[in-house]
N, C-alpha and C. Protein backbone atom coordinates (compact mmCIF):
# COMPACT_ATOMS: atom_id res chain seq x y z
N MET A 1 12.33 -31.83 46.47
CA MET A 1 11.43 -31.35 45.40
C MET A 1 11.86 -29.94 45.11
N ALA A 2 12.15 -29.10 46.14
CA ALA A 2 12.55 -27.66 45.83
C ALA A 2 13.81 -27.64 44.97
N ARG A 3 14.77 -28.61 45.09
CA ARG A 3 15.78 -28.58 44.10
C ARG A 3 15.48 -28.74 42.74
N PHE A 4 14.61 -29.64 42.50
CA PHE A 4 14.10 -29.68 40.98
C PHE A 4 13.54 -28.65 40.40
N LEU A 5 12.57 -27.68 41.24
CA LEU A 5 12.02 -26.55 40.75
C LEU A 5 13.26 -25.57 40.59
N PHE A 6 14.05 -25.50 41.42
CA PHE A 6 15.21 -24.60 41.37
C PHE A 6 15.92 -24.66 40.17
N PHE A 7 16.38 -25.88 39.81
CA PHE A 7 17.29 -26.31 38.50
C PHE A 7 16.33 -26.22 37.35
N GLY A 8 15.11 -26.36 37.63
CA GLY A 8 14.18 -26.41 36.26
C GLY A 8 14.16 -24.63 36.00
N LEU A 9 14.03 -23.91 36.91
CA LEU A 9 13.89 -22.58 36.75
C LEU A 9 15.31 -21.96 36.03
N ILE A 10 16.56 -22.42 36.70
CA ILE A 10 17.70 -22.09 36.25
C ILE A 10 18.01 -22.69 34.60
N ALA A 11 17.48 -23.79 34.14
CA ALA A 11 17.50 -24.41 33.06
C ALA A 11 16.60 -23.52 32.00
N LEU A 12 15.45 -23.09 32.56
CA LEU A 12 14.49 -22.22 31.67
C LEU A 12 15.11 -20.91 31.26
N VAL A 13 15.79 -20.26 32.38
CA VAL A 13 16.42 -18.91 31.96
C VAL A 13 17.61 -19.21 31.12
N VAL A 14 18.36 -20.22 31.34
CA VAL A 14 19.53 -20.25 30.47
C VAL A 14 18.94 -20.58 28.93
N TRP A 15 17.91 -21.26 28.77
CA TRP A 15 17.41 -21.65 27.60
C TRP A 15 16.83 -20.48 26.87
N LEU A 16 16.16 -19.48 27.53
CA LEU A 16 15.60 -18.38 27.00
C LEU A 16 16.74 -17.41 26.65
N ILE A 17 17.87 -17.25 27.40
CA ILE A 17 18.96 -16.50 27.05
C ILE A 17 19.61 -16.98 25.91
N TRP A 18 19.90 -18.25 25.61
CA TRP A 18 20.46 -18.96 24.65
C TRP A 18 19.75 -18.73 23.32
N LYS A 19 18.26 -18.86 23.40
CA LYS A 19 17.62 -18.66 22.24
C LYS A 19 17.60 -17.22 21.82
N LYS A 20 17.62 -16.19 22.84
CA LYS A 20 17.57 -14.81 22.26
C LYS A 20 18.95 -14.53 21.72
N LEU A 21 19.92 -15.02 22.11
CA LEU A 21 21.31 -14.94 21.49
C LEU A 21 21.30 -15.36 20.06
N LEU A 22 20.77 -16.61 19.83
CA LEU A 22 20.95 -17.29 18.45
C LEU A 22 19.95 -16.32 17.57
N ASN A 23 18.84 -15.70 18.04
CA ASN A 23 18.02 -14.86 17.05
C ASN A 23 18.42 -13.45 17.06
N ARG A 24 19.37 -13.00 17.51
CA ARG A 24 20.04 -11.56 17.25
C ARG A 24 20.66 -11.55 16.10
N PRO A 25 20.52 -10.41 15.42
CA PRO A 25 21.42 -10.37 14.15
C PRO A 25 22.89 -10.07 14.44
N SER A 26 23.66 -10.38 13.50
CA SER A 26 25.07 -10.16 13.79
C SER A 26 25.39 -8.73 13.74
N ALA A 27 26.63 -8.28 14.34
CA ALA A 27 26.93 -6.87 14.23
C ALA A 27 27.30 -6.43 12.77
N GLY A 28 27.85 -7.29 12.01
CA GLY A 28 28.31 -6.88 10.73
C GLY A 28 27.24 -7.36 9.55
N GLY A 29 26.25 -7.95 9.85
CA GLY A 29 25.15 -8.23 9.12
C GLY A 29 24.41 -7.06 8.54
N ALA A 30 23.59 -7.36 7.40
CA ALA A 30 23.00 -6.30 6.58
C ALA A 30 21.67 -6.01 7.50
N GLN A 31 21.21 -4.80 7.59
CA GLN A 31 20.01 -4.54 8.39
C GLN A 31 18.88 -4.58 7.31
N PRO A 32 17.72 -4.84 7.92
CA PRO A 32 16.63 -4.70 6.90
C PRO A 32 16.28 -3.22 6.49
N PRO A 33 15.80 -3.13 5.33
CA PRO A 33 15.59 -1.79 4.65
C PRO A 33 14.88 -0.68 5.56
N ALA A 34 13.96 -1.17 6.36
CA ALA A 34 13.25 -0.28 7.31
C ALA A 34 14.00 0.28 8.29
N GLU A 35 15.12 -0.32 8.67
CA GLU A 35 16.14 0.00 9.84
C GLU A 35 17.01 0.99 9.26
N ARG A 36 17.45 0.90 8.09
CA ARG A 36 18.54 1.90 7.68
C ARG A 36 18.20 3.24 8.00
N PRO A 37 19.19 4.06 8.61
CA PRO A 37 18.81 5.27 8.88
C PRO A 37 18.80 6.37 7.67
N ASN A 38 19.73 6.09 6.78
CA ASN A 38 20.02 6.97 5.56
C ASN A 38 19.18 6.49 4.25
N ALA A 39 18.12 5.63 4.58
CA ALA A 39 17.56 5.14 3.51
C ALA A 39 16.52 6.34 2.85
N PRO A 40 16.34 6.30 1.67
CA PRO A 40 15.32 7.42 1.03
C PRO A 40 13.95 6.79 1.09
N PRO A 41 12.87 7.71 1.40
CA PRO A 41 11.61 7.36 1.51
C PRO A 41 11.06 6.70 0.34
N PRO A 42 10.18 5.61 0.36
CA PRO A 42 9.59 4.86 -0.90
C PRO A 42 8.95 6.03 -1.83
N ALA A 43 9.06 5.57 -3.03
CA ALA A 43 8.62 6.71 -4.13
C ALA A 43 7.03 6.66 -4.06
N ALA A 44 6.33 7.52 -4.13
CA ALA A 44 4.96 7.70 -4.32
C ALA A 44 4.58 7.22 -5.66
N PRO A 45 3.36 6.40 -5.66
CA PRO A 45 2.88 5.99 -7.05
C PRO A 45 2.71 6.99 -7.97
N PRO A 46 2.64 6.91 -9.11
CA PRO A 46 2.30 7.88 -10.28
C PRO A 46 0.78 8.27 -10.15
N THR A 47 0.54 9.52 -10.39
CA THR A 47 -0.95 9.97 -10.13
C THR A 47 -1.31 10.07 -11.71
N ALA A 48 -2.79 9.99 -11.66
CA ALA A 48 -3.44 10.04 -13.10
C ALA A 48 -4.16 11.07 -13.06
N ASP A 49 -4.25 11.90 -14.25
CA ASP A 49 -5.55 12.93 -14.19
C ASP A 49 -6.83 12.42 -14.27
N MET A 50 -7.79 12.89 -13.47
CA MET A 50 -9.11 12.54 -13.21
C MET A 50 -9.96 13.33 -13.95
N VAL A 51 -11.03 12.97 -14.70
CA VAL A 51 -11.89 13.66 -15.13
C VAL A 51 -13.41 13.22 -14.89
N PRO A 52 -14.35 14.07 -14.83
CA PRO A 52 -15.60 13.64 -14.49
C PRO A 52 -16.69 13.24 -15.67
N CYS A 53 -17.31 12.16 -15.44
CA CYS A 53 -18.28 11.80 -16.51
C CYS A 53 -19.49 12.94 -16.54
N ALA A 54 -19.71 13.10 -18.07
CA ALA A 54 -20.51 14.30 -18.21
C ALA A 54 -22.07 13.69 -17.87
N HIS A 55 -22.30 12.51 -17.54
CA HIS A 55 -23.54 11.97 -17.30
C HIS A 55 -23.72 11.85 -15.76
N CYS A 56 -22.95 11.09 -15.14
CA CYS A 56 -23.04 10.88 -13.79
C CYS A 56 -22.36 11.60 -12.77
N GLY A 57 -21.11 12.25 -13.29
CA GLY A 57 -20.22 12.85 -12.39
C GLY A 57 -19.04 11.98 -11.78
N LEU A 58 -18.99 10.84 -12.07
CA LEU A 58 -18.11 9.87 -11.55
C LEU A 58 -16.76 10.25 -12.10
N HIS A 59 -15.75 10.59 -11.37
CA HIS A 59 -14.36 10.75 -11.70
C HIS A 59 -13.55 9.51 -12.15
N VAL A 60 -13.30 9.56 -13.46
CA VAL A 60 -12.30 8.26 -13.90
C VAL A 60 -11.00 8.84 -14.44
N PRO A 61 -10.04 7.92 -14.51
CA PRO A 61 -8.75 8.41 -15.02
C PRO A 61 -8.98 8.85 -16.59
N ALA A 62 -8.20 9.92 -16.93
CA ALA A 62 -8.36 10.44 -18.22
C ALA A 62 -8.01 9.66 -19.30
N GLN A 63 -7.05 8.51 -19.01
CA GLN A 63 -6.68 7.54 -19.87
C GLN A 63 -7.66 6.57 -20.24
N GLU A 64 -8.79 6.31 -19.33
CA GLU A 64 -9.63 5.28 -19.48
C GLU A 64 -10.97 5.93 -19.76
N ALA A 65 -11.15 7.04 -19.91
CA ALA A 65 -12.45 7.92 -20.10
C ALA A 65 -12.74 7.75 -21.46
N ILE A 66 -14.13 7.79 -21.97
CA ILE A 66 -14.54 7.75 -23.33
C ILE A 66 -14.72 9.34 -23.67
N ARG A 67 -13.95 9.67 -24.82
CA ARG A 67 -14.03 11.26 -25.14
C ARG A 67 -15.11 11.23 -26.23
N ASP A 68 -15.77 12.46 -26.02
CA ASP A 68 -16.88 12.72 -26.93
C ASP A 68 -16.53 14.16 -27.46
N GLU A 69 -16.10 14.38 -28.62
CA GLU A 69 -15.86 15.51 -29.27
C GLU A 69 -16.83 16.24 -30.00
N SER A 70 -18.02 15.49 -30.16
CA SER A 70 -19.00 16.14 -30.93
C SER A 70 -19.94 17.24 -30.08
N GLY A 71 -20.48 18.13 -30.80
CA GLY A 71 -21.36 19.18 -30.07
C GLY A 71 -20.40 20.26 -29.64
N SER A 72 -20.57 20.84 -28.50
CA SER A 72 -19.83 22.00 -28.07
C SER A 72 -18.88 21.52 -26.82
N GLY A 73 -17.59 21.30 -27.40
CA GLY A 73 -16.36 20.92 -26.53
C GLY A 73 -16.28 19.49 -26.30
N ILE A 74 -15.32 19.17 -25.50
CA ILE A 74 -15.06 17.90 -25.25
C ILE A 74 -15.70 17.31 -24.12
N ARG A 75 -16.33 16.23 -23.94
CA ARG A 75 -17.12 15.67 -22.91
C ARG A 75 -16.34 14.22 -22.55
N HIS A 76 -16.22 13.89 -21.40
CA HIS A 76 -15.83 12.64 -20.92
C HIS A 76 -16.90 11.66 -20.33
N TYR A 77 -16.81 10.43 -20.66
CA TYR A 77 -18.03 9.59 -20.11
C TYR A 77 -17.16 8.30 -19.58
N CYS A 78 -17.90 7.70 -18.39
CA CYS A 78 -17.35 6.66 -17.73
C CYS A 78 -17.51 5.32 -18.30
N CYS A 79 -18.66 5.02 -19.28
CA CYS A 79 -18.94 4.00 -19.98
C CYS A 79 -19.71 4.33 -21.41
N PRO A 80 -19.83 3.55 -22.28
CA PRO A 80 -20.56 3.73 -23.37
C PRO A 80 -22.01 3.90 -23.24
N GLU A 81 -22.72 3.31 -22.33
CA GLU A 81 -23.94 3.78 -21.97
C GLU A 81 -24.20 5.02 -21.48
N HIS A 82 -23.38 5.69 -20.85
CA HIS A 82 -23.61 7.00 -20.35
C HIS A 82 -23.17 8.04 -21.58
N GLN A 83 -22.32 7.57 -22.45
CA GLN A 83 -22.08 8.35 -23.80
C GLN A 83 -23.38 8.23 -24.58
N ARG A 84 -23.96 7.22 -24.62
CA ARG A 84 -25.12 6.98 -25.45
C ARG A 84 -26.41 7.96 -24.85
N ARG A 85 -26.49 8.03 -23.68
CA ARG A 85 -27.58 8.78 -22.91
C ARG A 85 -27.19 10.37 -23.00
N GLY A 86 -26.02 10.68 -23.04
CA GLY A 86 -25.45 12.17 -23.03
C GLY A 86 -25.33 12.76 -21.84
N PRO A 87 -25.04 13.93 -21.74
CA PRO A 87 -24.77 14.79 -20.64
C PRO A 87 -26.14 14.70 -19.75
N SER A 88 -25.85 14.92 -18.37
CA SER A 88 -27.10 14.99 -17.60
C SER A 88 -27.72 16.35 -17.55
N ALA A 89 -29.00 16.41 -17.39
CA ALA A 89 -29.86 17.75 -17.27
C ALA A 89 -29.32 18.50 -16.36
N GLY A 90 -28.87 17.92 -15.06
CA GLY A 90 -28.69 18.79 -13.77
C GLY A 90 -27.32 19.01 -13.51
């Protein structure tokens, strides 16, 4: 019985070594991008100018804000409802 356990253990070790050797990347193969030592860092996403809503103060991208040039100066709003209500009193 001890012989079977011994040979089973040897077979398991050989199988694990064989499996590890098959999964190892080859020496001449391409490395994944994260492992390349001289790879430049990923580019940061472009930033957008943010403006506060004149009614509620929520900051929205300037490209998406509703501009109101009536009255004194330019005001930005986050939605048509807040533009209709006008700037906040506080």
